[in-house]
Protein backbone atom coordinates (compact mmCIF):
# COMPACT_ATOMS: atom_id res chain seq x y z
CA MET A 1 38.82 32.72 3.22
CA ASN A 2 39.62 29.31 3.96
CA TYR A 3 40.23 27.27 0.43
CA TRP A 4 40.81 23.70 1.89
CA LEU A 5 37.53 23.89 4.16
CA LEU A 6 35.43 25.07 0.91
CA ALA A 7 36.97 22.22 -0.85
CA ILE A 8 36.13 19.76 1.81
CA LEU A 9 32.38 21.10 1.91
CA VAL A 10 31.95 21.10 -1.60
CA VAL A 11 33.13 17.44 -2.10
CA VAL A 12 30.36 16.44 0.73
CA CYS A 13 27.76 18.39 -0.68
CA TYR A 14 28.14 17.28 -4.27
CA PHE A 15 27.47 13.69 -2.47
CA LEU A 16 24.66 15.28 -0.86
CA GLY A 17 23.40 16.09 -4.61
CA ASN A 18 23.62 12.41 -5.37
CA ILE A 19 21.06 11.15 -3.10
CA ASN A 20 18.75 10.84 -5.99
CA PHE A 21 14.91 11.02 -4.18
CA GLY A 22 12.95 10.54 -7.21
CA ARG A 23 14.81 6.89 -8.15
CA ILE A 24 14.23 6.26 -4.07
CA ILE A 25 10.55 6.86 -4.53
CA SER A 26 9.87 5.35 -7.66
CA ARG A 27 11.89 1.99 -6.29
CA ALA A 28 9.91 2.34 -3.11
CA LYS A 29 6.55 2.14 -5.76
CA HIS A 30 8.46 -0.65 -7.57
CA VAL A 31 8.34 1.74 -10.35
CA ASP A 32 11.46 2.17 -12.94
CA LEU A 33 11.00 5.69 -13.32
CA THR A 34 14.12 5.75 -16.19
CA LYS A 35 11.24 3.71 -18.78
CA LYS A 36 8.49 6.04 -17.97
CA GLY A 37 7.71 9.09 -19.48
CA SER A 38 10.91 11.09 -20.43
CA GLY A 39 12.99 8.58 -18.57
CA ASN A 40 14.02 11.53 -16.54
CA LEU A 41 14.41 10.81 -12.92
CA GLY A 42 13.30 15.00 -11.33
CA ALA A 43 10.35 15.82 -9.98
CA THR A 44 8.29 16.94 -13.35
CA ASN A 45 8.43 12.92 -14.67
CA MET A 46 7.58 11.69 -11.15
CA TYR A 47 3.75 14.10 -11.41
CA ARG A 48 3.13 12.87 -14.78
CA ASN A 49 3.99 9.06 -13.86
CA LEU A 50 3.16 8.74 -10.16
CA GLY A 51 0.93 11.37 -9.33
CA ALA A 52 1.02 14.96 -8.03
CA LYS A 53 2.23 13.83 -4.51
CA LEU A 54 4.90 12.33 -5.37
CA GLY A 55 6.07 14.70 -8.05
CA TYR A 56 5.68 17.52 -5.29
CA LEU A 57 7.08 15.44 -2.84
CA THR A 58 9.90 14.91 -4.90
CA LEU A 59 10.40 18.72 -5.62
CA LEU A 60 10.46 19.38 -2.36
CA LEU A 61 13.27 16.62 -0.98
CA ASP A 62 15.20 17.61 -4.23
CA ALA A 63 15.05 21.21 -3.51
CA LEU A 64 15.50 20.10 0.59
CA LYS A 65 19.70 19.22 -0.91
CA GLY A 66 20.13 22.67 -2.46
CA ILE A 67 18.70 24.49 0.81
CA ILE A 68 21.22 22.46 3.28
CA ALA A 69 24.02 22.89 0.85
CA ALA A 70 23.56 26.79 0.79
CA LEU A 71 23.20 27.32 4.24
CA VAL A 72 25.97 25.04 4.58
CA GLY A 73 28.02 27.34 2.64
CA TYR A 74 26.80 30.40 3.92
CA PHE A 75 27.14 30.32 7.34
CA VAL A 76 30.47 28.10 7.60
CA PHE A 77 31.95 31.23 5.85
CA GLY A 78 30.52 34.05 8.12
CA GLY A 79 27.11 34.47 7.33
CA ALA A 80 25.50 37.82 6.82
CA ASP A 81 27.86 39.36 9.60
CA GLY A 82 31.09 37.97 7.48
CA ILE A 83 33.20 39.31 4.98
CA TYR A 84 31.59 40.09 1.82
CA PRO A 85 32.42 38.17 -0.51
CA ASP A 86 33.27 35.23 1.02
CA ALA A 87 29.72 34.03 2.66
CA LEU A 88 28.10 34.05 -1.07
CA ILE A 89 30.94 32.48 -2.63
CA GLY A 90 30.47 29.46 0.03
CA LEU A 91 26.70 29.30 -0.72
CA TYR A 92 26.95 29.18 -4.41
CA SER A 93 29.78 27.12 -4.67
CA CYS A 94 28.40 24.32 -1.89
CA GLY A 95 25.46 24.97 -4.05
CA LEU A 96 26.65 24.47 -7.62
CA ALA A 97 28.73 20.92 -6.35
CA ALA A 98 24.91 20.00 -4.89
CA VAL A 99 23.25 20.82 -8.24
CA VAL A 100 26.27 18.92 -10.05
CA GLY A 101 25.79 16.18 -7.88
CA HIS A 102 22.46 16.02 -9.21
CA ILE A 103 22.94 16.19 -12.76
CA PHE A 104 25.78 14.17 -12.71
CA PRO A 105 25.78 11.50 -9.55
CA VAL A 106 28.46 9.50 -9.50
CA ILE A 107 26.78 6.84 -7.50
CA TYR A 108 24.38 6.51 -10.29
CA LYS A 109 26.98 6.09 -12.89
CA PHE A 110 26.42 10.09 -13.98
CA LYS A 111 23.12 9.99 -14.75
CA GLY A 112 20.53 11.76 -12.66
CA GLY A 113 17.84 14.77 -12.90
CA LYS A 114 18.55 18.03 -14.24
CA GLY A 115 19.01 19.62 -11.53
CA ILE A 116 16.06 22.65 -11.80
CA SER A 117 14.86 21.79 -8.02
CA THR A 118 18.36 21.83 -6.50
CA THR A 119 18.57 25.36 -8.23
CA LEU A 120 15.76 26.56 -7.03
CA GLY A 121 16.37 25.54 -3.33
CA VAL A 122 20.26 27.14 -3.77
CA PHE A 123 18.51 30.50 -4.64
CA LEU A 124 15.96 30.26 -2.29
CA VAL A 125 18.55 30.89 0.12
CA ALA A 126 20.32 33.77 -1.74
CA GLU A 127 17.17 35.39 -2.52
CA PRO A 128 14.03 34.01 -0.83
CA LEU A 129 11.55 36.78 -1.85
CA VAL A 130 12.76 37.21 -5.49
CA MET A 131 12.54 33.31 -5.74
CA LEU A 132 9.47 32.86 -4.07
CA ILE A 133 7.80 35.53 -6.92
CA THR A 134 9.61 33.83 -9.85
CA PHE A 135 8.40 30.34 -8.78
CA ILE A 136 4.60 31.45 -8.51
CA PHE A 137 5.13 33.03 -11.66
CA CYS A 138 6.32 29.73 -13.41
CA PHE A 139 3.53 27.61 -11.74
CA ILE A 140 1.24 29.84 -13.63
CA LEU A 141 2.76 29.88 -16.98
CA VAL A 142 2.63 26.29 -16.29
CA TRP A 143 -0.52 25.85 -15.62
CA PHE A 144 -1.79 28.04 -19.15
CA VAL A 145 1.43 27.24 -21.27
CA LYS A 146 2.03 23.38 -20.23
CA TYR A 147 5.77 23.51 -20.93
CA VAL A 148 7.26 23.03 -17.23
CA SER A 149 11.07 23.38 -18.98
CA LEU A 150 10.09 26.73 -20.37
CA ALA A 151 9.23 27.71 -16.79
CA SER A 152 12.56 26.00 -15.39
CA LEU A 153 14.78 27.77 -17.77
CA ILE A 154 12.77 31.14 -16.52
CA LEU A 155 13.26 30.52 -13.30
CA VAL A 156 17.12 29.56 -13.80
CA THR A 157 17.46 32.85 -15.68
CA VAL A 158 15.81 35.58 -13.50
CA GLY A 159 17.84 33.59 -10.22
CA VAL A 160 20.66 34.26 -11.97
CA VAL A 161 20.23 37.47 -13.26
CA VAL A 162 18.75 39.13 -10.20
CA GLN A 163 21.67 38.03 -8.04
CA ASN A 164 24.57 39.05 -10.35
CA LEU A 165 22.04 43.08 -10.54
CA THR A 166 21.90 42.71 -6.97
CA LEU A 167 25.07 42.56 -5.75
CA PRO A 168 26.61 45.09 -3.46
CA GLU A 169 29.74 45.47 -6.00
CA PRO A 170 30.45 42.94 -8.81
CA ASN A 171 32.38 39.97 -8.30
CA LEU A 172 33.70 37.72 -10.75
CA VAL A 173 34.02 34.42 -8.62
CA ILE A 174 30.25 34.86 -7.69
CA THR A 175 29.01 35.41 -11.41
CA LEU A 176 31.19 32.82 -12.85
CA LEU A 177 29.39 30.36 -10.01
CA THR A 178 25.73 31.94 -11.08
CA PHE A 179 26.77 31.43 -14.53
CA ALA A 180 27.79 27.36 -14.36
CA ILE A 181 24.93 27.19 -12.59
CA PHE A 182 22.82 28.36 -15.27
CA ALA A 183 25.27 26.89 -18.00
CA LEU A 184 24.49 23.42 -16.34
CA THR A 185 21.03 23.82 -15.69
CA TRP A 186 20.58 24.67 -19.56
CA PHE A 187 22.86 22.04 -21.04
CA ALA A 188 21.27 19.11 -19.05
CA HIS A 189 17.36 20.55 -20.81
CA ARG A 190 18.99 20.67 -24.70
CA LYS A 191 16.88 18.01 -26.00
CA ASN A 192 13.89 19.96 -23.83
CA ILE A 193 15.20 23.63 -25.95
CA GLU A 194 14.94 21.42 -29.45
CA ARG A 195 11.87 20.14 -28.62
CA LEU A 196 10.55 23.50 -27.68
CA ILE A 197 12.02 25.12 -31.22
CA VAL A 198 10.76 22.07 -33.12
CA GLY A 199 7.04 22.36 -31.26
CA LYS A 200 7.16 18.70 -29.87
CA GLU A 201 8.11 19.31 -26.39
CA ASN A 202 6.25 17.03 -23.61
CA GLU A 203 2.90 19.08 -22.11
CA THR A 204 1.90 18.96 -18.31
CA ASN A 205 -1.36 19.77 -18.01
CA ILE A 206 -1.87 20.78 -14.40
CA LYS A 207 -6.20 21.22 -14.89
CA ALA A 208 -6.16 17.63 -16.95
CA LYS A 209 -4.10 16.38 -14.14
CA ILE A 210 -6.08 17.29 -11.51
CA ARG A 211 -8.88 15.92 -13.01
CA ARG A 212 -7.79 12.88 -13.72
CA ASP A 213 -6.54 12.67 -9.67
CA GLN A 214 -10.12 13.80 -8.74
CA LYS A 215 -11.68 10.77 -10.94
CA LYS A 216 -8.98 8.00 -9.63
CA LEU A 217 -9.62 9.14 -5.61
CA GLU A 218 -13.88 9.16 -7.05
CA LYS A 219 -13.28 5.25 -8.09
CA LEU A 220 -10.81 4.30 -5.05
CA GLU A 221 -14.28 5.87 -2.89
CA ASN A 222 -16.22 4.30 -5.12
CA ARG A 223 -14.56 0.79 -5.23
CA GLN A 224 -13.92 0.88 -1.24
CA GLU A 225 -17.50 1.76 -0.71
CA ILE A 226 -18.30 -1.38 -3.04
CA ILE A 227 -15.27 -3.38 -1.18
CA GLU A 228 -17.22 -2.65 2.49
CA ALA A 229 -20.67 -3.30 0.77
CA LYS A 230 -19.56 -6.64 -0.20
CA ILE A 231 -17.37 -7.45 2.94
CA GLU A 232 -20.40 -6.17 4.74
CA ILE A 233 -22.97 -8.34 2.88
CA LYS A 234 -20.02 -11.62 3.23
CA ASN A 235 -20.91 -11.02 7.01
CA GLU A 236 -23.80 -10.90 6.83
CA ILE A 237 -24.17 -14.30 5.19
CA LYS A 238 -21.28 -15.47 7.41
CA GLN A 239 -23.95 -14.85 10.09
CA GLU A 240 -26.89 -15.80 8.62
CA LYS A 241 -24.92 -19.34 8.48
CA LEU A 242 -23.86 -19.63 11.49
CA GLU A 243 -27.53 -18.99 12.93
CA GLN A 244 -28.76 -21.78 10.38
CA LYS A 245 -26.17 -23.91 11.57
CA THR A 246 -26.93 -22.88 15.41
CA GLU A 247 -30.53 -23.37 14.64
CA LYS A 248 -29.90 -26.57 13.07
CA LYS A 249 -27.80 -28.03 16.00
CA GLU A 250 -30.52 -27.22 18.38
CA GLN A 251 -32.74 -28.99 15.89
CA LYS A 252 -30.52 -32.03 16.06
CA ALA A 253 -30.36 -31.83 19.94
CA ILE A 254 -33.95 -31.49 20.28
CA LEU A 255 -34.74 -34.49 17.71
CA LYS A 256 -31.94 -36.76 19.64
CA LYS A 257 -33.61 -36.01 22.69
CA ALA A 258 -37.16 -36.81 21.90
CA LYS A 259 -35.62 -40.30 19.69
CA LYS A 260 -33.76 -41.43 23.22
CA ARG A 261 -37.05 -40.28 24.95
CA TYR A 262 -39.46 -42.18 22.45
CA LYS A 263 -36.93 -45.65 22.53
CA ASN A 264 -36.92 -44.92 26.43
CA GLY A 265 -40.80 -44.84 26.45
CA LYS A 266 -40.83 -48.10 23.90
CA LYS A 267 -38.43 -49.97 26.64
CA SER A 268 -40.91 -49.28 29.22
CA VAL A 269 -43.95 -50.20 27.61
CA LYS A 270 -42.07 -53.45 26.22
CA ASN A 271 -40.70 -54.07 29.90
CA SER A 272 -44.11 -53.59 31.14
CA GLU A 273 -45.98 -55.63 28.90
CA LYS A 274 -43.38 -58.48 29.66
CA VAL A 275 -44.38 -58.14 33.27
CA LEU A 276 -48.00 -57.72 32.68
CA LYS A 277 -47.56 -61.04 30.84
CA LYS A 278 -45.35 -62.62 33.23
CA ARG A 279 -47.86 -61.47 35.71
CA GLU A 280 -50.62 -63.07 33.48
CA LYS A 281 -49.14 -66.22 33.17
CA TYR A 282 -48.02 -66.28 36.93
CA ASN A 283 -51.63 -66.41 38.07
CA LYS A 284 -52.95 -68.66 35.26
CA LYS A 285 -50.93 -71.20 36.76
CA TYR A 286 -51.52 -70.28 40.42
CA GLN A 287 -55.49 -70.58 39.76
CA LYS A 288 -55.15 -73.72 38.06
CA LYS A 289 -53.25 -75.12 41.26
CA GLU A 290 -55.66 -73.73 43.09
CA TYR A 291 -58.48 -75.38 41.00
CA LYS A 292 -56.57 -78.58 41.28
CA ALA A 293 -56.09 -78.63 44.71
CA ARG A 294 -59.82 -77.81 45.76
CA PRO A 295 -61.13 -81.01 44.63
CA SER A 296 -58.99 -82.88 46.59
CA LYS A 297 -59.74 -81.42 49.54
CA VAL A 298 -63.71 -82.44 49.15
CA LYS A 299 -63.08 -85.70 48.18
CA GLY A 300 -61.09 -86.51 51.28
CA LYS A 301 -63.86 -84.91 53.32
CA SER A 302 -66.86 -87.11 51.89
CA ARG A 303 -65.07 -89.70 52.06
CA LYS A 304 -64.21 -89.20 55.95
CA LYS A 305 -67.88 -88.46 56.27
CA VAL A 306 -68.80 -91.76 54.87
CA LYS A 307 -66.53 -93.84 57.09
CA HIS A 308 -68.31 -92.47 59.46
CA ASN A 309 -71.76 -92.94 58.32
CA LYS A 310 -70.92 -96.32 57.93
């Protein structure tokens, strides 16, 4: 077994474990998870404060860290075709490093989660069927008992015990590595264990959470419907206003045209009246001139006739 290569992989997996998805997701939602609920940056606190979807997403991503670390250690040192127990030692060494990195991340001043999700990922690679059955059992336990910490400790304990019982040959290194994972996760849950003993442990009521989420969804749907109805009403009012404006504009345009026609009619009437008046004046003047001219002609004729008679 190449111990230098193992040491390098352990360091890499430790820094992989430093990636805290709970912190990343909560910051993306503009929430400081360290000041909410238990203050833990794990999946359970995410579930309680930011909803089931983000809680399950955090669980999946943290478990993925353990899966990647365990797979790297397992396949680099031979995998199923390798020499026993090198592959399992690689698996649990890298897995343990990821768990330590999750619980004590140097990036975040050694303040991380409690390592259950990452441990679940490690044991899923080592014992997939056993871990799946145990996970389902623990989920049912949480559904009825409402203590996530109790289910988490049972999950880790079952993984460690089953792994050591199913080894082809007893191996001290594998036993120590699995026990280290067991001890770390239990140490991270020391406050939870105290609260469990006292009977003051925080409960996680999945049924109530589902109901709350459903109510929230219903409220959101109702709000969306109300918002959509308001938007429709606003659009209708806007359309009515626009129609009224267009009607008013059309009416104004019609009135303007009518006024122009009326003014033009008035002007034409005035002009025609002026023309008529001028004509009347001209006719009167012409008639007067004719009237004055006629007698003079008659007088002239009469004078001529008088002279002729003499």
